[in-house]
Amino acid sequence: MFRCDSALRYAVSVLSAWLLIGAPAHAAPQDASALLRMCQGADKVKALSVMCHSYLNGYLDTAASYEKGRLPFCIAEGDKLRMPTEVVSWLRLHPELAREAAPAVLKKALSERFPCQPRK
């Protein structure tokens, strides 16, 4: 049975996550600092985990569509599970990119953390 207090706790956690990363921008993509805040909390807060993975999966789908299969990174089996940790680690190494658009920064991060192997 779904209890009222657990529903309230869930609503508060989702609202807190939303406030943590900020309201979604309608005209411009979020910046890399919002992506960092969202994904660095993914291992502690379920709502942030869902948001981080959803953002990353949405980015991958969009990039695959717009890049027409010529992505500068390669995501292998199991990489999606470790992607938030890799992205957070990379973003912490590049604080100068915090105000840059998250999609552009994510492309750089994934290219470095998940490079494609040269064809033999």
C-alpha atoms as a PDB file:
ATOM      1  CA  MET A   1       0.000   0.000   0.000  1.00  0.00           C
ATOM      2  CA  PHE A   2       1.319   3.431  -0.941  1.00  0.00           C
ATOM      3  CA  ARG A   3       1.506   5.535   2.185  1.00  0.00           C
ATOM      4  CA  CYS A   4       0.976   9.283   2.281  1.00  0.00           C
ATOM      5  CA  ASP A   5       4.249   9.979   4.094  1.00  0.00           C
ATOM      6  CA  SER A   6       6.285   8.088   1.474  1.00  0.00           C
ATOM      7  CA  ALA A   7       4.481   9.990  -1.295  1.00  0.00           C
ATOM      8  CA  LEU A   8       5.282  13.245   0.460  1.00  0.00           C
ATOM      9  CA  ARG A   9       8.943  12.270   0.876  1.00  0.00           C
ATOM     10  CA  TYR A  10       9.159  11.367  -2.812  1.00  0.00           C
ATOM     11  CA  ALA A  11       7.539  14.661  -3.842  1.00  0.00           C
ATOM     12  CA  VAL A  12       9.948  16.594  -1.621  1.00  0.00           C
ATOM     13  CA  SER A  13      12.958  14.742  -3.080  1.00  0.00           C
ATOM     14  CA  VAL A  14      11.830  15.436  -6.653  1.00  0.00           C
ATOM     15  CA  LEU A  15      11.175  19.102  -5.840  1.00  0.00           C
ATOM     16  CA  SER A  16      14.554  19.344  -4.100  1.00  0.00           C
ATOM     17  CA  ALA A  17      16.297  17.857  -7.117  1.00  0.00           C
ATOM     18  CA  TRP A  18      14.462  20.264  -9.396  1.00  0.00           C
ATOM     19  CA  LEU A  19      15.479  23.217  -7.243  1.00  0.00           C
ATOM     20  CA  LEU A  20      19.059  21.936  -7.035  1.00  0.00           C
ATOM     21  CA  ILE A  21      19.570  21.932 -10.784  1.00  0.00           C
ATOM     22  CA  GLY A  22      17.214  24.799 -11.507  1.00  0.00           C
ATOM     23  CA  ALA A  23      14.122  25.090 -13.608  1.00  0.00           C
ATOM     24  CA  PRO A  24      14.528  23.827 -17.156  1.00  0.00           C
ATOM     25  CA  ALA A  25      15.538  26.468 -19.673  1.00  0.00           C
ATOM     26  CA  HIS A  26      13.163  26.690 -22.601  1.00  0.00           C
ATOM     27  CA  ALA A  27      15.306  28.732 -24.970  1.00  0.00           C
ATOM     28  CA  ALA A  28      18.829  27.598 -24.126  1.00  0.00           C
ATOM     29  CA  PRO A  29      20.344  24.313 -23.017  1.00  0.00           C
ATOM     30  CA  GLN A  30      21.379  23.997 -19.405  1.00  0.00           C
ATOM     31  CA  ASP A  31      24.991  24.683 -18.615  1.00  0.00           C
ATOM     32  CA  ALA A  32      27.577  22.122 -17.541  1.00  0.00           C
ATOM     33  CA  SER A  33      27.353  23.175 -13.881  1.00  0.00           C
ATOM     34  CA  ALA A  34      23.698  22.037 -13.791  1.00  0.00           C
ATOM     35  CA  LEU A  35      24.688  18.728 -15.349  1.00  0.00           C
ATOM     36  CA  LEU A  36      27.429  18.328 -12.740  1.00  0.00           C
ATOM     37  CA  ARG A  37      25.057  19.050  -9.837  1.00  0.00           C
ATOM     38  CA  MET A  38      22.501  16.633 -11.204  1.00  0.00           C
ATOM     39  CA  CYS A  39      24.870  13.748 -11.932  1.00  0.00           C
ATOM     40  CA  GLN A  40      27.099  14.053  -8.863  1.00  0.00           C
ATOM     41  CA  GLY A  41      24.070  13.402  -6.673  1.00  0.00           C
ATOM     42  CA  ALA A  42      22.912  10.459  -8.777  1.00  0.00           C
ATOM     43  CA  ASP A  43      24.391   7.839  -6.476  1.00  0.00           C
ATOM     44  CA  LYS A  44      22.628   9.307  -3.397  1.00  0.00           C
ATOM     45  CA  VAL A  45      19.242  10.570  -4.602  1.00  0.00           C
ATOM     46  CA  LYS A  46      17.083   8.363  -6.815  1.00  0.00           C
ATOM     47  CA  ALA A  47      15.384  11.337  -8.482  1.00  0.00           C
ATOM     48  CA  LEU A  48      18.777  12.770  -9.473  1.00  0.00           C
ATOM     49  CA  SER A  49      19.852   9.367 -10.778  1.00  0.00           C
ATOM     50  CA  VAL A  50      16.782   9.180 -12.983  1.00  0.00           C
ATOM     51  CA  MET A  51      17.288  12.752 -14.175  1.00  0.00           C
ATOM     52  CA  CYS A  52      20.989  12.266 -14.897  1.00  0.00           C
ATOM     53  CA  HIS A  53      20.528   9.007 -16.793  1.00  0.00           C
ATOM     54  CA  SER A  54      17.560  10.456 -18.679  1.00  0.00           C
ATOM     55  CA  TYR A  55      19.541  13.526 -19.697  1.00  0.00           C
ATOM     56  CA  LEU A  56      22.510  11.425 -20.826  1.00  0.00           C
ATOM     57  CA  ASN A  57      20.307   8.972 -22.740  1.00  0.00           C
ATOM     58  CA  GLY A  58      18.462  11.849 -24.390  1.00  0.00           C
ATOM     59  CA  TYR A  59      21.761  13.416 -25.365  1.00  0.00           C
ATOM     60  CA  LEU A  60      23.005  10.112 -26.845  1.00  0.00           C
ATOM     61  CA  ASP A  61      19.814   9.644 -28.861  1.00  0.00           C
ATOM     62  CA  THR A  62      19.895  13.219 -30.152  1.00  0.00           C
ATOM     63  CA  ALA A  63      23.611  13.092 -30.964  1.00  0.00           C
ATOM     64  CA  ALA A  64      23.187   9.816 -32.846  1.00  0.00           C
ATOM     65  CA  SER A  65      20.383  11.348 -34.884  1.00  0.00           C
ATOM     66  CA  TYR A  66      22.099  14.650 -35.692  1.00  0.00           C
ATOM     67  CA  GLU A  67      25.597  13.258 -36.167  1.00  0.00           C
ATOM     68  CA  LYS A  68      24.226  10.563 -38.495  1.00  0.00           C
ATOM     69  CA  GLY A  69      26.308   7.795 -36.928  1.00  0.00           C
ATOM     70  CA  ARG A  70      29.582   9.753 -36.941  1.00  0.00           C
ATOM     71  CA  LEU A  71      29.900  10.255 -33.210  1.00  0.00           C
ATOM     72  CA  PRO A  72      33.283  11.274 -31.751  1.00  0.00           C
ATOM     73  CA  PHE A  73      32.806   8.752 -28.946  1.00  0.00           C
ATOM     74  CA  CYS A  74      31.858   5.094 -28.686  1.00  0.00           C
ATOM     75  CA  ILE A  75      29.593   3.737 -25.990  1.00  0.00           C
ATOM     76  CA  ALA A  76      30.183   0.019 -25.447  1.00  0.00           C
ATOM     77  CA  GLU A  77      28.120  -2.534 -23.528  1.00  0.00           C
ATOM     78  CA  GLY A  78      27.905  -1.451 -19.894  1.00  0.00           C
ATOM     79  CA  ASP A  79      29.263   2.067 -20.475  1.00  0.00           C
ATOM     80  CA  LYS A  80      25.900   3.722 -19.822  1.00  0.00           C
ATOM     81  CA  LEU A  81      26.018   2.541 -16.212  1.00  0.00           C
ATOM     82  CA  ARG A  82      29.365   4.201 -15.535  1.00  0.00           C
ATOM     83  CA  MET A  83      28.700   7.251 -17.689  1.00  0.00           C
ATOM     84  CA  PRO A  84      27.466   9.531 -14.832  1.00  0.00           C
ATOM     85  CA  THR A  85      30.613   8.823 -12.792  1.00  0.00           C
ATOM     86  CA  GLU A  86      32.862   9.448 -15.791  1.00  0.00           C
ATOM     87  CA  VAL A  87      31.059  12.660 -16.710  1.00  0.00           C
ATOM     88  CA  VAL A  88      31.246  13.988 -13.132  1.00  0.00           C
ATOM     89  CA  SER A  89      34.945  13.134 -12.926  1.00  0.00           C
ATOM     90  CA  TRP A  90      35.668  14.878 -16.231  1.00  0.00           C
ATOM     91  CA  LEU A  91      33.594  17.955 -15.330  1.00  0.00           C
ATOM     92  CA  ARG A  92      35.461  18.327 -12.034  1.00  0.00           C
ATOM     93  CA  LEU A  93      38.731  18.365 -13.993  1.00  0.00           C
ATOM     94  CA  HIS A  94      37.377  21.160 -16.235  1.00  0.00           C
ATOM     95  CA  PRO A  95      35.672  23.751 -13.979  1.00  0.00           C
ATOM     96  CA  GLU A  96      36.417  26.446 -16.563  1.00  0.00           C
ATOM     97  CA  LEU A  97      33.650  24.923 -18.729  1.00  0.00           C
ATOM     98  CA  ALA A  98      30.944  25.184 -16.041  1.00  0.00           C
ATOM     99  CA  ARG A  99      29.027  27.960 -17.819  1.00  0.00           C
ATOM    100  CA  GLU A 100      29.290  26.397 -21.274  1.00  0.00           C
ATOM    101  CA  ALA A 101      26.274  24.657 -22.793  1.00  0.00           C
ATOM    102  CA  ALA A 102      25.943  21.147 -21.383  1.00  0.00           C
ATOM    103  CA  PRO A 103      25.549  19.408 -24.790  1.00  0.00           C
ATOM    104  CA  ALA A 104      28.813  20.859 -26.130  1.00  0.00           C
ATOM    105  CA  VAL A 105      30.686  20.055 -22.927  1.00  0.00           C
ATOM    106  CA  LEU A 106      29.181  16.573 -22.808  1.00  0.00           C
ATOM    107  CA  LYS A 107      30.430  15.902 -26.340  1.00  0.00           C
ATOM    108  CA  LYS A 108      33.974  16.785 -25.223  1.00  0.00           C
ATOM    109  CA  ALA A 109      33.716  14.728 -22.041  1.00  0.00           C
ATOM    110  CA  LEU A 110      32.385  11.634 -23.772  1.00  0.00           C
ATOM    111  CA  SER A 111      34.973  11.942 -26.539  1.00  0.00           C
ATOM    112  CA  GLU A 112      37.770  11.830 -23.964  1.00  0.00           C
ATOM    113  CA  ARG A 113      36.268   9.253 -21.596  1.00  0.00           C
ATOM    114  CA  PHE A 114      34.795   6.938 -24.251  1.00  0.00           C
ATOM    115  CA  PRO A 115      37.068   7.251 -27.291  1.00  0.00           C
ATOM    116  CA  CYS A 116      36.506   5.060 -30.310  1.00  0.00           C
ATOM    117  CA  GLN A 117      39.178   2.491 -31.001  1.00  0.00           C
ATOM    118  CA  PRO A 118      40.925   2.896 -34.354  1.00  0.00           C
ATOM    119  CA  ARG A 119      39.849   0.361 -36.946  1.00  0.00           C
ATOM    120  CA  LYS A 120      42.423  -2.263 -37.796  1.00  0.00           C
END
